[in-house]
Amino acid sequence: MKSNVGGIDRILRIAVGLVLIGLAATGTVGAWGWIGVVPLATGLFRFCPAYTLLGIKTCGK
């Protein structure tokens, strides 16, 4: 697994993931908020399978 998620993209993914999980945990958005686990995981692991399929790479390396 090579890294394909860059710095700003990574920060945004982690932030959005945490916000969605927080909203789901408080019951504000319902069960769909738990989908925030996906952007959180892709941000933490710096790898997005969808980016690989689409040939996108936001990291500089």
C-alpha atoms as a PDB file:
ATOM      1  CA  MET A   1       0.000   0.000   0.000  1.00  0.00           C
ATOM      2  CA  LYS A   2       1.688   3.160  -1.152  1.00  0.00           C
ATOM      3  CA  SER A   3       0.586   6.486   0.258  1.00  0.00           C
ATOM      4  CA  ASN A   4      -1.721   8.416  -2.074  1.00  0.00           C
ATOM      5  CA  VAL A   5      -3.315  10.951   0.294  1.00  0.00           C
ATOM      6  CA  GLY A   6      -1.451  14.241   0.803  1.00  0.00           C
ATOM      7  CA  GLY A   7      -1.191  16.635   3.753  1.00  0.00           C
ATOM      8  CA  ILE A   8      -4.189  18.951   3.361  1.00  0.00           C
ATOM      9  CA  ASP A   9      -6.340  16.106   2.049  1.00  0.00           C
ATOM     10  CA  ARG A  10      -5.345  14.027   5.070  1.00  0.00           C
ATOM     11  CA  ILE A  11      -6.198  16.771   7.569  1.00  0.00           C
ATOM     12  CA  LEU A  12      -9.590  17.380   5.947  1.00  0.00           C
ATOM     13  CA  ARG A  13     -10.425  13.674   5.897  1.00  0.00           C
ATOM     14  CA  ILE A  14      -9.555  13.263   9.580  1.00  0.00           C
ATOM     15  CA  ALA A  15     -11.532  16.381  10.563  1.00  0.00           C
ATOM     16  CA  VAL A  16     -14.620  15.415   8.557  1.00  0.00           C
ATOM     17  CA  GLY A  17     -14.457  11.864   9.881  1.00  0.00           C
ATOM     18  CA  LEU A  18     -14.255  13.010  13.498  1.00  0.00           C
ATOM     19  CA  VAL A  19     -17.105  15.490  13.041  1.00  0.00           C
ATOM     20  CA  LEU A  20     -19.371  12.874  11.453  1.00  0.00           C
ATOM     21  CA  ILE A  21     -18.576  10.310  14.141  1.00  0.00           C
ATOM     22  CA  GLY A  22     -19.193  12.914  16.852  1.00  0.00           C
ATOM     23  CA  LEU A  23     -22.540  13.892  15.330  1.00  0.00           C
ATOM     24  CA  ALA A  24     -23.548  10.240  15.047  1.00  0.00           C
ATOM     25  CA  ALA A  25     -22.512   9.544  18.636  1.00  0.00           C
ATOM     26  CA  THR A  26     -24.675  12.403  19.914  1.00  0.00           C
ATOM     27  CA  GLY A  27     -27.631  11.342  17.771  1.00  0.00           C
ATOM     28  CA  THR A  28     -27.680  14.539  15.698  1.00  0.00           C
ATOM     29  CA  VAL A  29     -27.416  12.905  12.260  1.00  0.00           C
ATOM     30  CA  GLY A  30     -28.443   9.331  12.927  1.00  0.00           C
ATOM     31  CA  ALA A  31     -26.675   6.121  11.999  1.00  0.00           C
ATOM     32  CA  TRP A  32     -25.436   7.474   8.643  1.00  0.00           C
ATOM     33  CA  GLY A  33     -22.911   9.602  10.519  1.00  0.00           C
ATOM     34  CA  TRP A  34     -20.893   6.473  11.287  1.00  0.00           C
ATOM     35  CA  ILE A  35     -19.761   6.549   7.662  1.00  0.00           C
ATOM     36  CA  GLY A  36     -17.233   9.041   9.069  1.00  0.00           C
ATOM     37  CA  VAL A  37     -15.098   6.020   9.939  1.00  0.00           C
ATOM     38  CA  VAL A  38     -14.163   5.754   6.243  1.00  0.00           C
ATOM     39  CA  PRO A  39     -12.599   9.225   5.803  1.00  0.00           C
ATOM     40  CA  LEU A  40     -11.018   8.938   9.237  1.00  0.00           C
ATOM     41  CA  ALA A  41      -9.358   5.621   8.356  1.00  0.00           C
ATOM     42  CA  THR A  42      -8.208   6.800   4.920  1.00  0.00           C
ATOM     43  CA  GLY A  43      -6.741   9.913   6.515  1.00  0.00           C
ATOM     44  CA  LEU A  44      -4.932   8.000   9.232  1.00  0.00           C
ATOM     45  CA  PHE A  45      -3.540   5.346   6.883  1.00  0.00           C
ATOM     46  CA  ARG A  46      -2.798   7.882   4.103  1.00  0.00           C
ATOM     47  CA  PHE A  47      -4.278   5.494   1.562  1.00  0.00           C
ATOM     48  CA  CYS A  48      -7.551   5.728  -0.336  1.00  0.00           C
ATOM     49  CA  PRO A  49      -8.629   2.754  -2.469  1.00  0.00           C
ATOM     50  CA  ALA A  50     -10.874   4.995  -4.599  1.00  0.00           C
ATOM     51  CA  TYR A  51      -7.888   7.203  -5.445  1.00  0.00           C
ATOM     52  CA  THR A  52      -6.034   4.117  -6.657  1.00  0.00           C
ATOM     53  CA  LEU A  53      -8.915   3.133  -8.939  1.00  0.00           C
ATOM     54  CA  LEU A  54      -9.206   6.665 -10.330  1.00  0.00           C
ATOM     55  CA  GLY A  55      -5.453   7.223 -10.636  1.00  0.00           C
ATOM     56  CA  ILE A  56      -5.450  10.201  -8.268  1.00  0.00           C
ATOM     57  CA  LYS A  57      -2.534  10.993  -5.964  1.00  0.00           C
ATOM     58  CA  THR A  58      -2.552  14.091  -3.727  1.00  0.00           C
ATOM     59  CA  CYS A  59       0.746  13.446  -1.972  1.00  0.00           C
ATOM     60  CA  GLY A  60       3.900  14.990  -3.357  1.00  0.00           C
ATOM     61  CA  LYS A  61       6.019  11.845  -3.449  1.00  0.00           C
END
